Amino acid sequence: MSMEKITEIVLASRNKKKLGELAEILAPLGIRVRSVLEFPQASEVEETGSTFAENAALKAESVSRELGCAVLADDSGLMVDYLEGAPGVYSARFSGENASDENNNRLLLEKLSGVPLAERGASFVCVLAFSLPENESVFFEGRATGKIIDKESGDKGFGYDPLFLSDDLGVTFAQAGNADKNLVSHRARAVAKFVEWLKQR
């Protein structure tokens, strides 16, 4: 399958917000984005990798093999400098399996208790993996830098957004809202690199 023939990409994610965001970005390129939810035969892939890239590739390559089509997958999370990159790939389950955003945020604040703001640097990282059947994944990474504040602020985001004071925006991702966040977010930056790569094929 060559790049010229790609008019459809399956997103290996069950997150409807990610699907809508990606569909909007790729529509002008004449590419339709479909959810893996439309394909009940696709297995749920366990994220057993130790890096964002490994997890994204596991999902993209597995679904691409099963469905025989172009697949895009992402893995993303928060890396805190003071915690040597934690929670990282464990961001969604930082406080345990089936963790809530509330519990994850509480644990993060506990671990950073007493640490001055200057030492609370952090990055949201997103790695996209694009895979065609029988091909190795191609990767695109996006980062958003900021600091972890000492109490939640804003109600528009999810996950760690209320604690992440964005260097670009000067407010937390949860204060900013989607339109501003999507200009500078880790996912938006990774997707922008993917789109540029697609245009050059």
N, C-alpha and C. Protein backbone atom coordinates (compact mmCIF):
# COMPACT_ATOMS: atom_id res chain seq x y z
N MET A 1 0.85 -1.20 0.00
CA MET A 1 0.00 0.00 0.00
C MET A 1 0.89 1.25 0.00
N SER A 2 0.74 2.09 -0.99
CA SER A 2 1.58 3.29 -1.05
C SER A 2 0.84 4.47 -0.44
N MET A 3 1.61 5.50 -0.10
CA MET A 3 1.03 6.68 0.53
C MET A 3 -0.01 7.35 -0.38
N GLU A 4 0.19 7.30 -1.68
CA GLU A 4 -0.73 7.98 -2.62
C GLU A 4 -2.16 7.48 -2.50
N LYS A 5 -2.29 6.21 -2.08
CA LYS A 5 -3.62 5.60 -2.06
C LYS A 5 -4.35 5.80 -0.73
N ILE A 6 -3.71 6.47 0.22
CA ILE A 6 -4.34 6.59 1.54
C ILE A 6 -5.40 7.68 1.54
N THR A 7 -6.63 7.26 1.67
CA THR A 7 -7.75 8.20 1.78
C THR A 7 -8.47 7.99 3.11
N GLU A 8 -8.00 6.99 3.86
CA GLU A 8 -8.66 6.65 5.12
C GLU A 8 -7.63 6.16 6.12
N ILE A 9 -7.76 6.62 7.35
CA ILE A 9 -6.88 6.18 8.42
C ILE A 9 -7.75 5.77 9.60
N VAL A 10 -7.41 4.64 10.22
CA VAL A 10 -8.11 4.20 11.43
C VAL A 10 -7.32 4.70 12.64
N LEU A 11 -8.00 5.33 13.57
CA LEU A 11 -7.37 5.78 14.80
C LEU A 11 -7.53 4.70 15.86
N ALA A 12 -6.40 4.17 16.33
CA ALA A 12 -6.43 3.10 17.32
C ALA A 12 -6.63 3.70 18.72
N SER A 13 -7.78 4.31 18.89
CA SER A 13 -8.14 4.91 20.18
C SER A 13 -9.65 4.84 20.33
N ARG A 14 -10.08 4.67 21.55
CA ARG A 14 -11.53 4.65 21.82
C ARG A 14 -12.00 6.01 22.36
N ASN A 15 -11.11 7.01 22.27
CA ASN A 15 -11.40 8.35 22.77
C ASN A 15 -12.05 9.20 21.67
N LYS A 16 -13.31 9.56 21.86
CA LYS A 16 -14.05 10.28 20.82
C LYS A 16 -13.52 11.70 20.61
N LYS A 17 -12.98 12.31 21.67
CA LYS A 17 -12.42 13.67 21.54
C LYS A 17 -11.21 13.66 20.62
N LYS A 18 -10.34 12.65 20.79
CA LYS A 18 -9.16 12.53 19.92
C LYS A 18 -9.59 12.32 18.48
N LEU A 19 -10.61 11.48 18.28
CA LEU A 19 -11.10 11.18 16.94
C LEU A 19 -11.60 12.45 16.25
N GLY A 20 -12.42 13.22 16.95
CA GLY A 20 -12.97 14.45 16.37
C GLY A 20 -11.90 15.45 16.01
N GLU A 21 -10.91 15.59 16.90
CA GLU A 21 -9.80 16.52 16.69
C GLU A 21 -9.01 16.14 15.45
N LEU A 22 -8.69 14.86 15.34
CA LEU A 22 -7.87 14.38 14.22
C LEU A 22 -8.65 14.45 12.90
N ALA A 23 -9.94 14.10 12.95
CA ALA A 23 -10.78 14.13 11.75
C ALA A 23 -10.83 15.54 11.16
N GLU A 24 -10.93 16.52 12.04
CA GLU A 24 -11.00 17.93 11.62
C GLU A 24 -9.70 18.36 10.94
N ILE A 25 -8.58 17.92 11.50
CA ILE A 25 -7.26 18.32 10.98
C ILE A 25 -6.97 17.66 9.63
N LEU A 26 -7.39 16.40 9.46
CA LEU A 26 -7.04 15.65 8.25
C LEU A 26 -8.06 15.79 7.11
N ALA A 27 -9.26 16.30 7.43
CA ALA A 27 -10.29 16.46 6.40
C ALA A 27 -9.82 17.28 5.19
N PRO A 28 -9.11 18.42 5.39
CA PRO A 28 -8.65 19.20 4.24
C PRO A 28 -7.67 18.45 3.33
N LEU A 29 -7.05 17.38 3.86
CA LEU A 29 -6.13 16.58 3.04
C LEU A 29 -6.87 15.46 2.30
N GLY A 30 -8.20 15.44 2.47
CA GLY A 30 -8.99 14.41 1.81
C GLY A 30 -8.87 13.05 2.47
N ILE A 31 -8.52 13.06 3.76
CA ILE A 31 -8.37 11.79 4.48
C ILE A 31 -9.48 11.66 5.53
N ARG A 32 -10.19 10.56 5.45
CA ARG A 32 -11.25 10.27 6.42
C ARG A 32 -10.64 9.50 7.60
N VAL A 33 -11.03 9.89 8.81
CA VAL A 33 -10.54 9.20 10.00
C VAL A 33 -11.68 8.38 10.59
N ARG A 34 -11.41 7.10 10.81
CA ARG A 34 -12.42 6.20 11.40
C ARG A 34 -11.92 5.70 12.75
N SER A 35 -12.85 5.46 13.64
CA SER A 35 -12.50 4.95 14.96
C SER A 35 -12.34 3.44 14.93
N VAL A 36 -11.43 2.95 15.74
CA VAL A 36 -11.25 1.50 15.87
C VAL A 36 -12.52 0.86 16.44
N LEU A 37 -13.37 1.66 17.06
CA LEU A 37 -14.64 1.14 17.59
C LEU A 37 -15.56 0.61 16.48
N GLU A 38 -15.33 1.09 15.24
CA GLU A 38 -16.14 0.61 14.10
C GLU A 38 -15.75 -0.81 13.69
N PHE A 39 -14.67 -1.32 14.28
CA PHE A 39 -14.14 -2.64 13.86
C PHE A 39 -14.09 -3.57 15.07
N PRO A 40 -15.19 -4.24 15.35
CA PRO A 40 -15.23 -5.12 16.53
C PRO A 40 -14.19 -6.23 16.51
N GLN A 41 -13.68 -6.54 15.31
CA GLN A 41 -12.68 -7.62 15.21
C GLN A 41 -11.29 -7.17 15.70
N ALA A 42 -11.10 -5.86 15.88
CA ALA A 42 -9.79 -5.36 16.33
C ALA A 42 -9.61 -5.62 17.82
N SER A 43 -8.49 -6.23 18.17
CA SER A 43 -8.21 -6.55 19.57
C SER A 43 -7.92 -5.29 20.38
N GLU A 44 -8.22 -5.37 21.66
CA GLU A 44 -7.81 -4.31 22.59
C GLU A 44 -6.36 -4.58 22.93
N VAL A 45 -5.47 -3.63 22.62
CA VAL A 45 -4.03 -3.86 22.77
C VAL A 45 -3.57 -3.39 24.14
N GLU A 46 -2.88 -4.28 24.86
CA GLU A 46 -2.36 -3.92 26.18
C GLU A 46 -1.10 -3.07 26.02
N GLU A 47 -1.03 -1.99 26.78
CA GLU A 47 0.12 -1.08 26.70
C GLU A 47 1.21 -1.56 27.64
N THR A 48 2.07 -2.44 27.12
CA THR A 48 3.11 -3.05 27.96
C THR A 48 4.48 -2.43 27.73
N GLY A 49 4.55 -1.41 26.87
CA GLY A 49 5.83 -0.78 26.58
C GLY A 49 6.35 0.08 27.73
N SER A 50 7.64 0.38 27.70
CA SER A 50 8.23 1.21 28.75
C SER A 50 8.41 2.66 28.29
N THR A 51 8.04 2.94 27.03
CA THR A 51 8.11 4.31 26.52
C THR A 51 6.81 4.62 25.77
N PHE A 52 6.56 5.92 25.56
CA PHE A 52 5.39 6.33 24.80
C PHE A 52 5.44 5.74 23.39
N ALA A 53 6.63 5.78 22.78
CA ALA A 53 6.78 5.27 21.41
C ALA A 53 6.47 3.79 21.32
N GLU A 54 6.95 3.01 22.30
CA GLU A 54 6.69 1.56 22.29
C GLU A 54 5.19 1.28 22.39
N ASN A 55 4.51 1.99 23.28
CA ASN A 55 3.06 1.77 23.45
C ASN A 55 2.29 2.18 22.20
N ALA A 56 2.66 3.32 21.62
CA ALA A 56 1.97 3.78 20.40
C ALA A 56 2.17 2.78 19.26
N ALA A 57 3.39 2.28 19.13
CA ALA A 57 3.70 1.31 18.07
C ALA A 57 2.97 -0.01 18.28
N LEU A 58 2.89 -0.46 19.51
CA LEU A 58 2.15 -1.70 19.81
C LEU A 58 0.73 -1.60 19.29
N LYS A 59 0.07 -0.48 19.57
CA LYS A 59 -1.32 -0.28 19.15
C LYS A 59 -1.42 -0.14 17.63
N ALA A 60 -0.58 0.72 17.05
CA ALA A 60 -0.67 0.99 15.61
C ALA A 60 -0.40 -0.26 14.79
N GLU A 61 0.66 -0.98 15.13
CA GLU A 61 1.07 -2.14 14.32
C GLU A 61 0.12 -3.32 14.49
N SER A 62 -0.38 -3.52 15.70
CA SER A 62 -1.31 -4.62 15.93
C SER A 62 -2.61 -4.40 15.15
N VAL A 63 -3.17 -3.19 15.25
CA VAL A 63 -4.44 -2.90 14.57
C VAL A 63 -4.25 -2.88 13.05
N SER A 64 -3.11 -2.37 12.60
CA SER A 64 -2.83 -2.32 11.16
C SER A 64 -2.74 -3.72 10.57
N ARG A 65 -2.09 -4.62 11.30
CA ARG A 65 -1.99 -6.03 10.86
C ARG A 65 -3.37 -6.67 10.80
N GLU A 66 -4.16 -6.44 11.84
CA GLU A 66 -5.49 -7.08 11.92
C GLU A 66 -6.45 -6.57 10.85
N LEU A 67 -6.41 -5.26 10.60
CA LEU A 67 -7.40 -4.67 9.68
C LEU A 67 -6.87 -4.49 8.26
N GLY A 68 -5.53 -4.59 8.10
CA GLY A 68 -4.95 -4.45 6.77
C GLY A 68 -5.05 -3.04 6.21
N CYS A 69 -4.92 -2.05 7.07
CA CYS A 69 -5.05 -0.66 6.60
C CYS A 69 -4.11 0.27 7.36
N ALA A 70 -4.13 1.54 6.96
CA ALA A 70 -3.32 2.56 7.63
C ALA A 70 -3.90 2.88 9.00
N VAL A 71 -3.04 2.89 10.00
CA VAL A 71 -3.50 3.12 11.38
C VAL A 71 -2.61 4.14 12.08
N LEU A 72 -3.25 4.99 12.85
CA LEU A 72 -2.55 5.98 13.67
C LEU A 72 -2.89 5.72 15.13
N ALA A 73 -1.88 5.70 15.99
CA ALA A 73 -2.12 5.50 17.42
C ALA A 73 -1.27 6.50 18.19
N ASP A 74 -1.70 6.83 19.39
CA ASP A 74 -0.89 7.74 20.19
C ASP A 74 -0.75 7.20 21.61
N ASP A 75 0.33 7.60 22.25
CA ASP A 75 0.45 7.41 23.68
C ASP A 75 1.00 8.71 24.23
N SER A 76 0.47 9.11 25.34
CA SER A 76 0.88 10.41 25.87
C SER A 76 0.80 10.41 27.39
N GLY A 77 1.44 11.40 27.98
CA GLY A 77 1.42 11.50 29.43
C GLY A 77 2.22 12.69 29.92
N LEU A 78 2.31 12.79 31.22
CA LEU A 78 2.98 13.90 31.89
C LEU A 78 4.32 13.44 32.44
N MET A 79 5.37 14.21 32.19
CA MET A 79 6.69 13.92 32.75
C MET A 79 7.11 15.09 33.63
N VAL A 80 7.34 14.81 34.91
CA VAL A 80 7.70 15.86 35.88
C VAL A 80 9.19 15.76 36.19
N ASP A 81 9.90 16.86 36.01
CA ASP A 81 11.36 16.87 36.18
C ASP A 81 11.78 16.39 37.58
N TYR A 82 11.13 16.93 38.61
CA TYR A 82 11.51 16.61 39.99
C TYR A 82 11.32 15.13 40.29
N LEU A 83 10.38 14.50 39.59
CA LEU A 83 10.09 13.07 39.80
C LEU A 83 10.81 12.19 38.77
N GLU A 84 11.85 12.77 38.14
CA GLU A 84 12.68 12.04 37.17
C GLU A 84 11.86 11.45 36.03
N GLY A 85 10.88 12.23 35.56
CA GLY A 85 10.10 11.80 34.41
C GLY A 85 8.80 11.09 34.74
N ALA A 86 8.57 10.79 36.00
CA ALA A 86 7.28 10.19 36.40
C ALA A 86 6.20 11.29 36.33
N PRO A 87 4.94 10.90 36.16
CA PRO A 87 4.41 9.52 36.01
C PRO A 87 4.64 8.89 34.63
N GLY A 88 4.97 9.69 33.60
CA GLY A 88 5.34 9.13 32.30
C GLY A 88 4.29 8.21 31.71
N VAL A 89 4.72 7.01 31.30
CA VAL A 89 3.78 6.08 30.64
C VAL A 89 2.69 5.59 31.61
N TYR A 90 2.90 5.85 32.90
CA TYR A 90 1.90 5.44 33.90
C TYR A 90 0.96 6.59 34.28
N SER A 91 0.93 7.65 33.48
CA SER A 91 0.15 8.84 33.83
C SER A 91 -1.31 8.53 34.13
N ALA A 92 -1.94 7.69 33.32
CA ALA A 92 -3.37 7.41 33.49
C ALA A 92 -3.64 6.55 34.73
N ARG A 93 -2.64 5.77 35.13
CA ARG A 93 -2.83 4.88 36.29
C ARG A 93 -1.80 5.17 37.39
N PHE A 94 -1.47 6.44 37.54
CA PHE A 94 -0.44 6.89 38.49
C PHE A 94 -0.79 6.45 39.91
N SER A 95 -2.06 6.58 40.29
CA SER A 95 -2.46 6.24 41.66
C SER A 95 -3.07 4.84 41.76
N GLY A 96 -2.85 4.03 40.71
CA GLY A 96 -3.35 2.65 40.73
C GLY A 96 -4.21 2.34 39.52
N GLU A 97 -4.51 1.07 39.31
CA GLU A 97 -5.38 0.67 38.20
C GLU A 97 -6.75 1.33 38.37
N ASN A 98 -7.37 1.72 37.25
CA ASN A 98 -8.68 2.39 37.27
C ASN A 98 -8.65 3.68 38.10
N ALA A 99 -7.50 4.34 38.08
CA ALA A 99 -7.35 5.58 38.86
C ALA A 99 -8.24 6.69 38.30
N SER A 100 -8.70 7.55 39.18
CA SER A 100 -9.47 8.73 38.73
C SER A 100 -8.52 9.91 38.57
N ASP A 101 -8.94 10.89 37.76
CA ASP A 101 -8.13 12.11 37.60
C ASP A 101 -7.87 12.76 38.97
N GLU A 102 -8.91 12.75 39.79
CA GLU A 102 -8.83 13.36 41.12
C GLU A 102 -7.74 12.71 41.96
N ASN A 103 -7.71 11.37 41.97
CA ASN A 103 -6.71 10.66 42.77
C ASN A 103 -5.30 10.83 42.21
N ASN A 104 -5.19 10.83 40.88
CA ASN A 104 -3.88 11.05 40.26
C ASN A 104 -3.34 12.43 40.61
N ASN A 105 -4.19 13.44 40.52
CA ASN A 105 -3.77 14.81 40.83
C ASN A 105 -3.39 14.95 42.30
N ARG A 106 -4.17 14.30 43.17
CA ARG A 106 -3.86 14.38 44.60
C ARG A 106 -2.50 13.75 44.90
N LEU A 107 -2.22 12.61 44.28
CA LEU A 107 -0.94 11.93 44.50
C LEU A 107 0.22 12.79 43.98
N LEU A 108 0.02 13.41 42.81
CA LEU A 108 1.07 14.27 42.25
C LEU A 108 1.38 15.43 43.20
N LEU A 109 0.35 16.05 43.73
CA LEU A 109 0.55 17.16 44.67
C LEU A 109 1.26 16.69 45.94
N GLU A 110 0.91 15.49 46.40
CA GLU A 110 1.58 14.95 47.59
C GLU A 110 3.07 14.76 47.34
N LYS A 111 3.40 14.22 46.17
CA LYS A 111 4.80 13.94 45.86
C LYS A 111 5.62 15.23 45.67
N LEU A 112 4.93 16.33 45.32
CA LEU A 112 5.62 17.60 45.11
C LEU A 112 5.45 18.56 46.29
N SER A 113 4.91 18.06 47.38
CA SER A 113 4.66 18.90 48.55
C SER A 113 5.97 19.54 49.06
N GLY A 114 5.96 20.86 49.20
CA GLY A 114 7.14 21.57 49.71
C GLY A 114 8.19 21.88 48.66
N VAL A 115 8.00 21.41 47.43
CA VAL A 115 8.96 21.67 46.34
C VAL A 115 8.65 23.04 45.73
N PRO A 116 9.64 23.95 45.66
CA PRO A 116 9.36 25.28 45.10
C PRO A 116 8.99 25.23 43.62
N LEU A 117 8.20 26.21 43.19
CA LEU A 117 7.69 26.24 41.81
C LEU A 117 8.82 26.14 40.78
N ALA A 118 9.96 26.75 41.06
CA ALA A 118 11.09 26.75 40.12
C ALA A 118 11.58 25.34 39.82
N GLU A 119 11.33 24.41 40.74
CA GLU A 119 11.80 23.02 40.56
C GLU A 119 10.67 22.08 40.12
N ARG A 120 9.53 22.67 39.74
CA ARG A 120 8.37 21.84 39.39
C ARG A 120 8.11 21.84 37.88
N GLY A 121 9.19 21.91 37.11
CA GLY A 121 9.07 21.88 35.65
C GLY A 121 8.48 20.55 35.19
N ALA A 122 7.71 20.62 34.10
CA ALA A 122 7.06 19.41 33.60
C ALA A 122 6.78 19.55 32.10
N SER A 123 6.58 18.42 31.45
CA SER A 123 6.22 18.40 30.03
C SER A 123 5.11 17.40 29.80
N PHE A 124 4.12 17.81 29.02
CA PHE A 124 3.19 16.84 28.46
C PHE A 124 3.83 16.35 27.17
N VAL A 125 3.87 15.04 26.98
CA VAL A 125 4.50 14.44 25.80
C VAL A 125 3.48 13.55 25.08
N CYS A 126 3.44 13.68 23.76
CA CYS A 126 2.60 12.80 22.94
C CYS A 126 3.47 12.21 21.83
N VAL A 127 3.40 10.91 21.66
CA VAL A 127 4.05 10.25 20.53
C VAL A 127 2.98 9.57 19.69
N LEU A 128 2.93 9.95 18.42
CA LEU A 128 2.04 9.31 17.45
C LEU A 128 2.83 8.26 16.69
N ALA A 129 2.21 7.12 16.46
CA ALA A 129 2.81 6.09 15.61
C ALA A 129 1.87 5.86 14.43
N PHE A 130 2.43 5.94 13.22
CA PHE A 130 1.65 5.68 12.00
C PHE A 130 2.16 4.39 11.40
N SER A 131 1.23 3.48 11.11
CA SER A 131 1.65 2.17 10.62
C SER A 131 0.81 1.72 9.43
N LEU A 132 1.50 1.16 8.45
CA LEU A 132 0.86 0.45 7.34
C LEU A 132 1.15 -1.03 7.52
N PRO A 133 0.26 -1.92 7.02
CA PRO A 133 0.52 -3.36 7.16
C PRO A 133 1.91 -3.72 6.60
N GLU A 134 2.60 -4.57 7.33
CA GLU A 134 3.94 -5.05 6.93
C GLU A 134 5.02 -3.97 7.01
N ASN A 135 4.70 -2.81 7.55
CA ASN A 135 5.71 -1.74 7.68
C ASN A 135 5.93 -1.42 9.15
N GLU A 136 7.15 -0.97 9.47
CA GLU A 136 7.40 -0.49 10.82
C GLU A 136 6.77 0.88 10.98
N SER A 137 6.47 1.24 12.23
CA SER A 137 5.84 2.52 12.50
C SER A 137 6.77 3.69 12.20
N VAL A 138 6.15 4.82 11.85
CA VAL A 138 6.85 6.10 11.75
C VAL A 138 6.33 6.94 12.94
N PHE A 139 7.25 7.64 13.62
CA PHE A 139 6.89 8.33 14.87
C PHE A 139 6.92 9.84 14.74
N PHE A 140 6.03 10.50 15.49
CA PHE A 140 5.96 11.97 15.53
C PHE A 140 5.73 12.37 16.99
N GLU A 141 6.65 13.19 17.51
CA GLU A 141 6.55 13.56 18.93
C GLU A 141 6.22 15.04 19.09
N GLY A 142 5.34 15.32 20.04
CA GLY A 142 5.02 16.70 20.39
C GLY A 142 5.17 16.89 21.89
N ARG A 143 5.65 18.09 22.28
CA ARG A 143 5.83 18.40 23.71
C ARG A 143 5.24 19.75 24.03
N ALA A 144 4.67 19.86 25.22
CA ALA A 144 4.24 21.15 25.76
C ALA A 144 4.89 21.29 27.13
N THR A 145 5.57 22.40 27.35
CA THR A 145 6.30 22.56 28.62
C THR A 145 5.55 23.50 29.56
N GLY A 146 5.81 23.29 30.86
CA GLY A 146 5.17 24.13 31.86
C GLY A 146 5.65 23.78 33.25
N LYS A 147 4.83 24.12 34.25
CA LYS A 147 5.15 23.81 35.65
C LYS A 147 3.90 23.27 36.33
N ILE A 148 4.12 22.50 37.39
CA ILE A 148 3.01 21.96 38.17
C ILE A 148 2.75 22.90 39.34
N ILE A 149 1.57 23.53 39.36
CA ILE A 149 1.24 24.45 40.45
C ILE A 149 0.77 23.66 41.67
N ASP A 150 0.56 24.34 42.81
CA ASP A 150 0.30 23.60 44.05
C ASP A 150 -1.17 23.38 44.37
N LYS A 151 -2.08 23.86 43.50
CA LYS A 151 -3.49 23.49 43.66
C LYS A 151 -4.19 23.62 42.31
N GLU A 152 -5.25 22.87 42.13
CA GLU A 152 -5.94 22.85 40.84
C GLU A 152 -6.55 24.21 40.51
N SER A 153 -6.47 24.56 39.23
CA SER A 153 -7.03 25.84 38.78
C SER A 153 -7.64 25.68 37.38
N GLY A 154 -8.93 25.99 37.25
CA GLY A 154 -9.62 25.85 35.97
C GLY A 154 -10.47 24.60 35.92
N ASP A 155 -11.53 24.64 35.11
CA ASP A 155 -12.45 23.50 35.06
C ASP A 155 -12.73 23.03 33.64
N LYS A 156 -11.89 23.45 32.67
CA LYS A 156 -12.18 23.12 31.27
C LYS A 156 -11.46 21.87 30.77
N GLY A 157 -10.46 21.42 31.47
CA GLY A 157 -9.65 20.32 30.94
C GLY A 157 -9.99 18.99 31.58
N PHE A 158 -9.07 18.05 31.44
CA PHE A 158 -9.21 16.74 32.08
C PHE A 158 -7.82 16.28 32.47
N GLY A 159 -7.74 15.20 33.23
CA GLY A 159 -6.44 14.68 33.64
C GLY A 159 -5.69 15.69 34.49
N TYR A 160 -4.44 15.92 34.12
CA TYR A 160 -3.57 16.81 34.90
C TYR A 160 -3.70 18.29 34.48
N ASP A 161 -4.60 18.57 33.54
CA ASP A 161 -4.74 19.94 33.01
C ASP A 161 -4.89 21.03 34.09
N PRO A 162 -5.65 20.78 35.18
CA PRO A 162 -5.82 21.85 36.18
C PRO A 162 -4.54 22.19 36.95
N LEU A 163 -3.54 21.31 36.88
CA LEU A 163 -2.28 21.53 37.61
C LEU A 163 -1.14 22.00 36.70
N PHE A 164 -1.36 21.94 35.38
CA PHE A 164 -0.28 22.21 34.42
C PHE A 164 -0.34 23.66 33.95
N LEU A 165 0.57 24.46 34.47
CA LEU A 165 0.68 25.88 34.08
C LEU A 165 1.52 25.94 32.81
N SER A 166 0.89 26.26 31.70
CA SER A 166 1.54 26.22 30.39
C SER A 166 2.51 27.38 30.20
N ASP A 167 3.74 27.06 29.76
CA ASP A 167 4.71 28.11 29.41
C ASP A 167 4.19 28.98 28.28
N ASP A 168 3.51 28.37 27.33
CA ASP A 168 3.03 29.10 26.14
C ASP A 168 1.87 30.03 26.46
N LEU A 169 0.97 29.58 27.33
CA LEU A 169 -0.29 30.31 27.53
C LEU A 169 -0.30 31.17 28.79
N GLY A 170 0.54 30.82 29.77
CA GLY A 170 0.57 31.59 31.01
C GLY A 170 -0.59 31.27 31.95
N VAL A 171 -1.40 30.29 31.59
CA VAL A 171 -2.49 29.81 32.45
C VAL A 171 -2.45 28.28 32.39
N THR A 172 -3.25 27.63 33.25
CA THR A 172 -3.29 26.17 33.18
C THR A 172 -4.07 25.74 31.94
N PHE A 173 -3.82 24.51 31.50
CA PHE A 173 -4.58 23.97 30.37
C PHE A 173 -6.08 23.95 30.69
N ALA A 174 -6.42 23.77 31.98
CA ALA A 174 -7.84 23.73 32.36
C ALA A 174 -8.47 25.12 32.38
N GLN A 175 -7.66 26.15 32.50
CA GLN A 175 -8.18 27.52 32.41
C GLN A 175 -8.32 27.96 30.95
N ALA A 176 -7.47 27.42 30.10
CA ALA A 176 -7.37 27.91 28.72
C ALA A 176 -8.55 27.51 27.84
N GLY A 177 -9.05 26.32 28.00
CA GLY A 177 -10.10 25.86 27.09
C GLY A 177 -9.50 25.25 25.83
N ASN A 178 -10.33 24.51 25.11
CA ASN A 178 -9.84 23.70 23.98
C ASN A 178 -9.19 24.49 22.86
N ALA A 179 -9.79 25.61 22.47
CA ALA A 179 -9.29 26.34 21.30
C ALA A 179 -7.83 26.76 21.50
N ASP A 180 -7.54 27.35 22.67
CA ASP A 180 -6.16 27.80 22.95
C ASP A 180 -5.25 26.61 23.23
N LYS A 181 -5.75 25.67 23.99
CA LYS A 181 -4.94 24.49 24.34
C LYS A 181 -4.52 23.75 23.07
N ASN A 182 -5.46 23.61 22.11
CA ASN A 182 -5.16 22.84 20.90
C ASN A 182 -4.15 23.51 19.98
N LEU A 183 -3.84 24.78 20.23
CA LEU A 183 -2.80 25.46 19.44
C LEU A 183 -1.40 25.05 19.91
N VAL A 184 -1.28 24.73 21.20
CA VAL A 184 0.05 24.52 21.77
C VAL A 184 0.22 23.16 22.46
N SER A 185 -0.82 22.35 22.45
CA SER A 185 -0.73 21.09 23.20
C SER A 185 0.25 20.11 22.57
N HIS A 186 0.68 19.17 23.38
CA HIS A 186 1.58 18.11 22.93
C HIS A 186 0.97 17.33 21.77
N ARG A 187 -0.32 17.03 21.86
CA ARG A 187 -0.97 16.26 20.79
C ARG A 187 -1.06 17.08 19.50
N ALA A 188 -1.43 18.36 19.65
CA ALA A 188 -1.53 19.23 18.47
C ALA A 188 -0.18 19.32 17.75
N ARG A 189 0.90 19.40 18.51
CA ARG A 189 2.23 19.52 17.91
C ARG A 189 2.65 18.23 17.22
N ALA A 190 2.31 17.09 17.82
CA ALA A 190 2.62 15.80 17.18
C ALA A 190 1.82 15.64 15.89
N VAL A 191 0.54 15.99 15.95
CA VAL A 191 -0.33 15.87 14.77
C VAL A 191 0.16 16.80 13.65
N ALA A 192 0.61 18.01 14.02
CA ALA A 192 1.13 18.96 13.01
C ALA A 192 2.33 18.37 12.27
N LYS A 193 3.20 17.69 13.00
CA LYS A 193 4.36 17.04 12.36
C LYS A 193 3.90 15.92 11.43
N PHE A 194 2.90 15.16 11.86
CA PHE A 194 2.36 14.08 11.04
C PHE A 194 1.75 14.63 9.75
N VAL A 195 1.00 15.72 9.87
CA VAL A 195 0.36 16.33 8.70
C VAL A 195 1.42 16.82 7.71
N GLU A 196 2.48 17.46 8.22
CA GLU A 196 3.56 17.93 7.34
C GLU A 196 4.20 16.76 6.61
N TRP A 197 4.40 15.68 7.34
CA TRP A 197 5.01 14.47 6.73
C TRP A 197 4.09 13.92 5.64
N LEU A 198 2.79 13.86 5.91
CA LEU A 198 1.84 13.36 4.92
C LEU A 198 1.87 14.21 3.64
N LYS A 199 1.95 15.52 3.83
CA LYS A 199 1.94 16.44 2.68
C LYS A 199 3.16 16.24 1.78
N GLN A 200 4.24 15.76 2.38
CA GLN A 200 5.49 15.58 1.60
C GLN A 200 5.57 14.23 0.92
N ARG A 201 4.59 13.34 1.17
CA ARG A 201 4.67 12.00 0.56
C ARG A 201 4.44 12.08 -0.94
